[in-house]
Amino acid sequence: MSRNCDLVDITVQILRHGDNSMLVTDGDIEDWVPYSLLGEDSEVDETSDEGDTGDIYLPQWKAEEIGFV
Protein backbone atom coordinates (compact mmCIF):
# COMPACT_ATOMS: atom_id res chain seq x y z
CA MET A 1 0.00 0.00 0.00
CA SER A 2 1.53 3.32 -1.01
CA ARG A 3 1.07 6.38 1.14
CA ASN A 4 0.47 9.82 -0.28
CA CYS A 5 3.28 12.10 0.91
CA ASP A 6 1.65 15.35 -0.19
CA LEU A 7 1.32 17.82 2.66
CA VAL A 8 -2.04 19.30 3.61
CA ASP A 9 -2.59 22.53 5.54
CA ILE A 10 -4.80 22.33 8.62
CA THR A 11 -5.57 25.10 11.12
CA VAL A 12 -5.40 23.75 14.66
CA GLN A 13 -5.23 24.83 18.28
CA ILE A 14 -2.74 23.16 20.61
CA LEU A 15 -4.48 21.62 23.62
CA ARG A 16 -1.53 19.85 25.23
CA HIS A 17 2.08 18.84 24.61
CA GLY A 18 3.48 15.36 25.07
CA ASP A 19 7.02 14.05 24.78
CA ASN A 20 6.80 13.28 21.06
CA SER A 21 3.49 14.76 19.97
CA MET A 22 0.91 17.43 20.64
CA LEU A 23 -2.83 17.14 21.17
CA VAL A 24 -4.55 19.45 18.72
CA THR A 25 -8.07 20.27 17.63
CA ASP A 26 -9.44 21.69 14.41
CA GLY A 27 -12.65 22.62 16.21
CA ASP A 28 -14.30 19.26 15.52
CA ILE A 29 -11.65 16.59 15.99
CA GLU A 30 -9.01 16.19 18.71
CA ASP A 31 -6.00 13.94 18.15
CA TRP A 32 -2.31 13.59 18.87
CA VAL A 33 0.01 14.72 16.07
CA PRO A 34 3.64 13.54 16.18
CA TYR A 35 6.15 16.37 15.97
CA SER A 36 8.14 14.25 13.53
CA LEU A 37 5.34 14.49 10.94
CA LEU A 38 5.00 18.29 10.99
CA GLY A 39 6.11 20.04 7.82
CA GLU A 40 8.85 22.62 8.23
CA ASP A 41 6.49 25.50 7.39
CA SER A 42 4.08 24.66 10.22
CA GLU A 43 3.17 27.72 12.30
CA VAL A 44 2.74 25.77 15.55
CA ASP A 45 5.02 23.02 16.82
CA GLU A 46 6.75 21.72 19.96
CA THR A 47 8.02 25.24 20.75
CA SER A 48 4.51 26.78 20.69
CA ASP A 49 2.44 27.36 23.80
CA GLU A 50 -0.67 25.40 24.69
CA GLY A 51 -3.66 27.40 23.44
CA ASP A 52 -1.79 28.73 20.39
CA THR A 53 -3.57 28.46 17.05
CA GLY A 54 -1.93 28.17 13.65
CA ASP A 55 -1.51 26.13 10.52
CA ILE A 56 0.26 22.79 10.50
CA TYR A 57 1.36 20.83 7.46
CA LEU A 58 0.83 17.09 7.71
CA PRO A 59 1.26 14.26 5.22
CA GLN A 60 -2.10 13.70 3.55
CA TRP A 61 -2.23 10.07 4.71
CA LYS A 62 -1.95 11.16 8.37
CA ALA A 63 -4.51 13.94 7.98
CA GLU A 64 -6.91 11.41 6.45
CA GLU A 65 -6.14 8.84 9.17
CA ILE A 66 -7.03 11.41 11.86
CA GLY A 67 -10.09 12.64 9.95
CA PHE A 68 -8.94 16.21 9.36
CA VAL A 69 -9.62 15.78 5.62
PDB file of N, CA and C in Angstrom:
ATOM      1  N   MET A   1       0.846  -1.182   0.000  1.00  0.00           N
ATOM      2  CA  MET A   1       0.000   0.000   0.000  1.00  0.00           C
ATOM      3  C   MET A   1       0.883   1.235   0.000  1.00  0.00           C
ATOM      4  N   SER A   2       0.717   2.103  -0.974  1.00  0.00           N
ATOM      5  CA  SER A   2       1.527   3.316  -1.008  1.00  0.00           C
ATOM      6  C   SER A   2       0.815   4.417  -0.230  1.00  0.00           C
ATOM      7  N   ARG A   3       1.620   5.274   0.366  1.00  0.00           N
ATOM      8  CA  ARG A   3       1.065   6.380   1.142  1.00  0.00           C
ATOM      9  C   ARG A   3       1.347   7.673   0.418  1.00  0.00           C
ATOM     10  N   ASN A   4       0.333   8.519   0.358  1.00  0.00           N
ATOM     11  CA  ASN A   4       0.469   9.818  -0.283  1.00  0.00           C
ATOM     12  C   ASN A   4       1.298  10.720   0.639  1.00  0.00           C
ATOM     13  N   CYS A   5       2.396  11.260   0.110  1.00  0.00           N
ATOM     14  CA  CYS A   5       3.281  12.103   0.914  1.00  0.00           C
ATOM     15  C   CYS A   5       3.047  13.586   0.686  1.00  0.00           C
ATOM     16  N   ASP A   6       1.989  13.932  -0.048  1.00  0.00           N
ATOM     17  CA  ASP A   6       1.651  15.347  -0.189  1.00  0.00           C
ATOM     18  C   ASP A   6       1.284  15.908   1.176  1.00  0.00           C
ATOM     19  N   LEU A   7       1.645  17.170   1.403  1.00  0.00           N
ATOM     20  CA  LEU A   7       1.317  17.815   2.664  1.00  0.00           C
ATOM     21  C   LEU A   7       0.005  18.575   2.529  1.00  0.00           C
ATOM     22  N   VAL A   8      -0.802  18.528   3.582  1.00  0.00           N
ATOM     23  CA  VAL A   8      -2.037  19.299   3.614  1.00  0.00           C
ATOM     24  C   VAL A   8      -1.951  20.295   4.765  1.00  0.00           C
ATOM     25  N   ASP A   9      -2.599  21.416   4.590  1.00  0.00           N
ATOM     26  CA  ASP A   9      -2.590  22.531   5.536  1.00  0.00           C
ATOM     27  C   ASP A   9      -3.857  22.459   6.385  1.00  0.00           C
ATOM     28  N   ILE A  10      -3.678  22.411   7.710  1.00  0.00           N
ATOM     29  CA  ILE A  10      -4.804  22.330   8.624  1.00  0.00           C
ATOM     30  C   ILE A  10      -4.604  23.367   9.723  1.00  0.00           C
ATOM     31  N   THR A  11      -5.632  24.139  10.022  1.00  0.00           N
ATOM     32  CA  THR A  11      -5.568  25.103  11.117  1.00  0.00           C
ATOM     33  C   THR A  11      -6.008  24.409  12.397  1.00  0.00           C
ATOM     34  N   VAL A  12      -5.134  24.449  13.404  1.00  0.00           N
ATOM     35  CA  VAL A  12      -5.401  23.751  14.662  1.00  0.00           C
ATOM     36  C   VAL A  12      -5.083  24.643  15.853  1.00  0.00           C
ATOM     37  N   GLN A  13      -5.594  24.232  16.999  1.00  0.00           N
ATOM     38  CA  GLN A  13      -5.227  24.828  18.279  1.00  0.00           C
ATOM     39  C   GLN A  13      -4.554  23.742  19.100  1.00  0.00           C
ATOM     40  N   ILE A  14      -3.447  24.103  19.754  1.00  0.00           N
ATOM     41  CA  ILE A  14      -2.738  23.157  20.612  1.00  0.00           C
ATOM     42  C   ILE A  14      -3.460  23.062  21.949  1.00  0.00           C
ATOM     43  N   LEU A  15      -3.823  21.847  22.333  1.00  0.00           N
ATOM     44  CA  LEU A  15      -4.476  21.623  23.620  1.00  0.00           C
ATOM     45  C   LEU A  15      -3.485  21.181  24.687  1.00  0.00           C
ATOM     46  N   ARG A  16      -2.496  20.370  24.264  1.00  0.00           N
ATOM     47  CA  ARG A  16      -1.531  19.846  25.228  1.00  0.00           C
ATOM     48  C   ARG A  16      -0.308  19.336  24.486  1.00  0.00           C
ATOM     49  N   HIS A  17       0.842  19.395  25.152  1.00  0.00           N
ATOM     50  CA  HIS A  17       2.079  18.843  24.608  1.00  0.00           C
ATOM     51  C   HIS A  17       2.405  17.531  25.291  1.00  0.00           C
ATOM     52  N   GLY A  18       2.940  16.598  24.533  1.00  0.00           N
ATOM     53  CA  GLY A  18       3.475  15.357  25.072  1.00  0.00           C
ATOM     54  C   GLY A  18       4.954  15.301  24.740  1.00  0.00           C
ATOM     55  N   ASP A  19       5.595  14.189  25.061  1.00  0.00           N
ATOM     56  CA  ASP A  19       7.024  14.048  24.785  1.00  0.00           C
ATOM     57  C   ASP A  19       7.337  14.084  23.293  1.00  0.00           C
ATOM     58  N   ASN A  20       6.521  13.408  22.487  1.00  0.00           N
ATOM     59  CA  ASN A  20       6.804  13.282  21.060  1.00  0.00           C
ATOM     60  C   ASN A  20       5.690  13.781  20.158  1.00  0.00           C
ATOM     61  N   SER A  21       4.637  14.334  20.760  1.00  0.00           N
ATOM     62  CA  SER A  21       3.494  14.764  19.966  1.00  0.00           C
ATOM     63  C   SER A  21       2.721  15.844  20.713  1.00  0.00           C
ATOM     64  N   MET A  22       1.768  16.428  20.014  1.00  0.00           N
ATOM     65  CA  MET A  22       0.914  17.433  20.638  1.00  0.00           C
ATOM     66  C   MET A  22      -0.534  17.096  20.341  1.00  0.00           C
ATOM     67  N   LEU A  23      -1.392  17.330  21.331  1.00  0.00           N
ATOM     68  CA  LEU A  23      -2.825  17.143  21.171  1.00  0.00           C
ATOM     69  C   LEU A  23      -3.376  18.422  20.577  1.00  0.00           C
ATOM     70  N   VAL A  24      -4.020  18.281  19.426  1.00  0.00           N
ATOM     71  CA  VAL A  24      -4.549  19.447  18.717  1.00  0.00           C
ATOM     72  C   VAL A  24      -6.017  19.231  18.394  1.00  0.00           C
ATOM     73  N   THR A  25      -6.698  20.331  18.109  1.00  0.00           N
ATOM     74  CA  THR A  25      -8.074  20.268  17.630  1.00  0.00           C
ATOM     75  C   THR A  25      -8.236  21.211  16.450  1.00  0.00           C
ATOM     76  N   ASP A  26      -9.082  20.802  15.519  1.00  0.00           N
ATOM     77  CA  ASP A  26      -9.440  21.692  14.406  1.00  0.00           C
ATOM     78  C   ASP A  26     -10.805  22.312  14.656  1.00  0.00           C
ATOM     79  N   GLY A  27     -11.327  22.121  15.862  1.00  0.00           N
ATOM     80  CA  GLY A  27     -12.651  22.616  16.208  1.00  0.00           C
ATOM     81  C   GLY A  27     -13.682  21.504  16.255  1.00  0.00           C
ATOM     82  N   ASP A  28     -13.405  20.413  15.544  1.00  0.00           N
ATOM     83  CA  ASP A  28     -14.298  19.256  15.525  1.00  0.00           C
ATOM     84  C   ASP A  28     -13.617  18.006  16.063  1.00  0.00           C
ATOM     85  N   ILE A  29     -12.389  17.803  15.663  1.00  0.00           N
ATOM     86  CA  ILE A  29     -11.647  16.586  15.989  1.00  0.00           C
ATOM     87  C   ILE A  29     -10.461  16.930  16.876  1.00  0.00           C
ATOM     88  N   GLU A  30     -10.211  16.086  17.878  1.00  0.00           N
ATOM     89  CA  GLU A  30      -9.008  16.191  18.708  1.00  0.00           C
ATOM     90  C   GLU A  30      -8.181  14.927  18.482  1.00  0.00           C
ATOM     91  N   ASP A  31      -6.881  15.096  18.277  1.00  0.00           N
ATOM     92  CA  ASP A  31      -5.999  13.936  18.154  1.00  0.00           C
ATOM     93  C   ASP A  31      -4.560  14.370  18.378  1.00  0.00           C
ATOM     94  N   TRP A  32      -3.744  13.367  18.660  1.00  0.00           N
ATOM     95  CA  TRP A  32      -2.314  13.592  18.866  1.00  0.00           C
ATOM     96  C   TRP A  32      -1.602  13.590  17.532  1.00  0.00           C
ATOM     97  N   VAL A  33      -0.781  14.596  17.298  1.00  0.00           N
ATOM     98  CA  VAL A  33       0.009  14.723  16.069  1.00  0.00           C
ATOM     99  C   VAL A  33       1.485  14.634  16.445  1.00  0.00           C
ATOM    100  N   PRO A  34       2.198  13.652  15.893  1.00  0.00           N
ATOM    101  CA  PRO A  34       3.637  13.537  16.185  1.00  0.00           C
ATOM    102  C   PRO A  34       4.403  14.731  15.630  1.00  0.00           C
ATOM    103  N   TYR A  35       5.309  15.260  16.437  1.00  0.00           N
ATOM    104  CA  TYR A  35       6.148  16.370  15.974  1.00  0.00           C
ATOM    105  C   TYR A  35       6.934  15.981  14.722  1.00  0.00           C
ATOM    106  N   SER A  36       7.313  14.720  14.643  1.00  0.00           N
ATOM    107  CA  SER A  36       8.140  14.252  13.525  1.00  0.00           C
ATOM    108  C   SER A  36       7.417  14.323  12.184  1.00  0.00           C
ATOM    109  N   LEU A  37       6.094  14.432  12.199  1.00  0.00           N
ATOM    110  CA  LEU A  37       5.341  14.491  10.944  1.00  0.00           C
ATOM    111  C   LEU A  37       5.013  15.907  10.502  1.00  0.00           C
ATOM    112  N   LEU A  38       5.311  16.903  11.343  1.00  0.00           N
ATOM    113  CA  LEU A  38       4.998  18.288  10.988  1.00  0.00           C
ATOM    114  C   LEU A  38       5.913  18.788   9.884  1.00  0.00           C
ATOM    115  N   GLY A  39       5.321  19.410   8.878  1.00  0.00           N
ATOM    116  CA  GLY A  39       6.108  20.039   7.824  1.00  0.00           C
ATOM    117  C   GLY A  39       6.873  21.227   8.359  1.00  0.00           C
ATOM    118  N   GLU A  40       7.974  21.544   7.725  1.00  0.00           N
ATOM    119  CA  GLU A  40       8.851  22.616   8.235  1.00  0.00           C
ATOM    120  C   GLU A  40       8.207  23.991   8.220  1.00  0.00           C
ATOM    121  N   ASP A  41       7.164  24.204   7.439  1.00  0.00           N
ATOM    122  CA  ASP A  41       6.490  25.501   7.385  1.00  0.00           C
ATOM    123  C   ASP A  41       5.328  25.614   8.377  1.00  0.00           C
ATOM    124  N   SER A  42       5.160  24.620   9.243  1.00  0.00           N
ATOM    125  CA  SER A  42       4.080  24.662  10.220  1.00  0.00           C
ATOM    126  C   SER A  42       4.246  25.865  11.147  1.00  0.00           C
ATOM    127  N   GLU A  43       3.139  26.529  11.442  1.00  0.00           N
ATOM    128  CA  GLU A  43       3.170  27.720  12.297  1.00  0.00           C
ATOM    129  C   GLU A  43       3.219  27.375  13.776  1.00  0.00           C
ATOM    130  N   VAL A  44       2.682  26.225  14.166  1.00  0.00           N
ATOM    131  CA  VAL A  44       2.744  25.774  15.552  1.00  0.00           C
ATOM    132  C   VAL A  44       3.464  24.431  15.600  1.00  0.00           C
ATOM    133  N   ASP A  45       4.248  24.242  16.666  1.00  0.00           N
ATOM    134  CA  ASP A  45       5.024  23.021  16.818  1.00  0.00           C
ATOM    135  C   ASP A  45       5.363  22.817  18.283  1.00  0.00           C
ATOM    136  N   GLU A  46       6.397  22.021  18.573  1.00  0.00           N
ATOM    137  CA  GLU A  46       6.750  21.718  19.958  1.00  0.00           C
ATOM    138  C   GLU A  46       7.222  22.941  20.743  1.00  0.00           C
ATOM    139  N   THR A  47       7.572  24.024  20.057  1.00  0.00           N
ATOM    140  CA  THR A  47       8.016  25.243  20.747  1.00  0.00           C
ATOM    141  C   THR A  47       6.864  26.204  21.037  1.00  0.00           C
ATOM    142  N   SER A  48       5.680  25.916  20.497  1.00  0.00           N
ATOM    143  CA  SER A  48       4.514  26.782  20.691  1.00  0.00           C
ATOM    144  C   SER A  48       3.863  26.507  22.041  1.00  0.00           C
ATOM    145  N   ASP A  49       3.127  27.484  22.521  1.00  0.00           N
ATOM    146  CA  ASP A  49       2.438  27.359  23.798  1.00  0.00           C
ATOM    147  C   ASP A  49       1.094  26.661  23.629  1.00  0.00           C
ATOM    148  N   GLU A  50       0.671  25.964  24.686  1.00  0.00           N
ATOM    149  CA  GLU A  50      -0.673  25.401  24.692  1.00  0.00           C
ATOM    150  C   GLU A  50      -1.665  26.548  24.550  1.00  0.00           C
ATOM    151  N   GLY A  51      -2.676  26.350  23.726  1.00  0.00           N
ATOM    152  CA  GLY A  51      -3.657  27.397  23.442  1.00  0.00           C
ATOM    153  C   GLY A  51      -3.376  28.148  22.164  1.00  0.00           C
ATOM    154  N   ASP A  52      -2.127  28.058  21.652  1.00  0.00           N
ATOM    155  CA  ASP A  52      -1.791  28.729  20.391  1.00  0.00           C
ATOM    156  C   ASP A  52      -2.558  28.088  19.231  1.00  0.00           C
ATOM    157  N   THR A  53      -2.894  28.913  18.262  1.00  0.00           N
ATOM    158  CA  THR A  53      -3.573  28.462  17.050  1.00  0.00           C
ATOM    159  C   THR A  53      -2.712  28.815  15.853  1.00  0.00           C
ATOM    160  N   GLY A  54      -2.681  27.923  14.880  1.00  0.00           N
ATOM    161  CA  GLY A  54      -1.934  28.173  13.654  1.00  0.00           C
ATOM    162  C   GLY A  54      -2.067  27.012  12.696  1.00  0.00           C
ATOM    163  N   ASP A  55      -1.467  27.172  11.551  1.00  0.00           N
ATOM    164  CA  ASP A  55      -1.512  26.133  10.524  1.00  0.00           C
ATOM    165  C   ASP A  55      -0.405  25.115  10.753  1.00  0.00           C
ATOM    166  N   ILE A  56      -0.749  23.845  10.529  1.00  0.00           N
ATOM    167  CA  ILE A  56       0.261  22.791  10.495  1.00  0.00           C
ATOM    168  C   ILE A  56       0.177  22.123   9.137  1.00  0.00           C
ATOM    169  N   TYR A  57       1.288  21.570   8.713  1.00  0.00           N
ATOM    170  CA  TYR A  57       1.358  20.830   7.459  1.00  0.00           C
ATOM    171  C   TYR A  57       1.651  19.384   7.809  1.00  0.00           C
ATOM    172  N   LEU A  58       0.716  18.513   7.435  1.00  0.00           N
ATOM    173  CA  LEU A  58       0.833  17.086   7.709  1.00  0.00           C
ATOM    174  C   LEU A  58       0.794  16.315   6.407  1.00  0.00           C
ATOM    175  N   PRO A  59       1.439  15.125   6.384  1.00  0.00           N
ATOM    176  CA  PRO A  59       1.256  14.263   5.221  1.00  0.00           C
ATOM    177  C   PRO A  59      -0.236  13.951   5.055  1.00  0.00           C
ATOM    178  N   GLN A  60      -0.679  13.916   3.822  1.00  0.00           N
ATOM    179  CA  GLN A  60      -2.097  13.700   3.549  1.00  0.00           C
ATOM    180  C   GLN A  60      -2.594  12.405   4.183  1.00  0.00           C
ATOM    181  N   TRP A  61      -1.787  11.354   4.148  1.00  0.00           N
ATOM    182  CA  TRP A  61      -2.227  10.073   4.712  1.00  0.00           C
ATOM    183  C   TRP A  61      -2.531  10.201   6.201  1.00  0.00           C
ATOM    184  N   LYS A  62      -1.727  10.993   6.947  1.00  0.00           N
ATOM    185  CA  LYS A  62      -1.953  11.163   8.371  1.00  0.00           C
ATOM    186  C   LYS A  62      -3.183  12.027   8.624  1.00  0.00           C
ATOM    187  N   ALA A  63      -3.342  13.081   7.852  1.00  0.00           N
ATOM    188  CA  ALA A  63      -4.512  13.944   7.984  1.00  0.00           C
ATOM    189  C   ALA A  63      -5.802  13.154   7.709  1.00  0.00           C
ATOM    190  N   GLU A  64      -5.755  12.259   6.738  1.00  0.00           N
ATOM    191  CA  GLU A  64      -6.910  11.412   6.451  1.00  0.00           C
ATOM    192  C   GLU A  64      -7.135  10.399   7.557  1.00  0.00           C
ATOM    193  N   GLU A  65      -6.059   9.824   8.080  1.00  0.00           N
ATOM    194  CA  GLU A  65      -6.143   8.842   9.166  1.00  0.00           C
ATOM    195  C   GLU A  65      -6.815   9.460  10.401  1.00  0.00           C
ATOM    196  N   ILE A  66      -6.453  10.703  10.711  1.00  0.00           N
ATOM    197  CA  ILE A  66      -7.030  11.405  11.859  1.00  0.00           C
ATOM    198  C   ILE A  66      -8.468  11.820  11.571  1.00  0.00           C
ATOM    199  N   GLY A  67      -8.760  12.171  10.321  1.00  0.00           N
ATOM    200  CA  GLY A  67     -10.092  12.645   9.954  1.00  0.00           C
ATOM    201  C   GLY A  67     -10.151  14.132   9.701  1.00  0.00           C
ATOM    202  N   PHE A  68      -8.976  14.779   9.636  1.00  0.00           N
ATOM    203  CA  PHE A  68      -8.943  16.213   9.356  1.00  0.00           C
ATOM    204  C   PHE A  68      -9.380  16.522   7.940  1.00  0.00           C
ATOM    205  N   VAL A  69      -9.188  15.588   7.021  1.00  0.00           N
ATOM    206  CA  VAL A  69      -9.622  15.779   5.617  1.00  0.00           C
ATOM    207  C   VAL A  69     -10.410  14.578   5.178  1.00  0.00           C
TER     208      VAL A  69
END
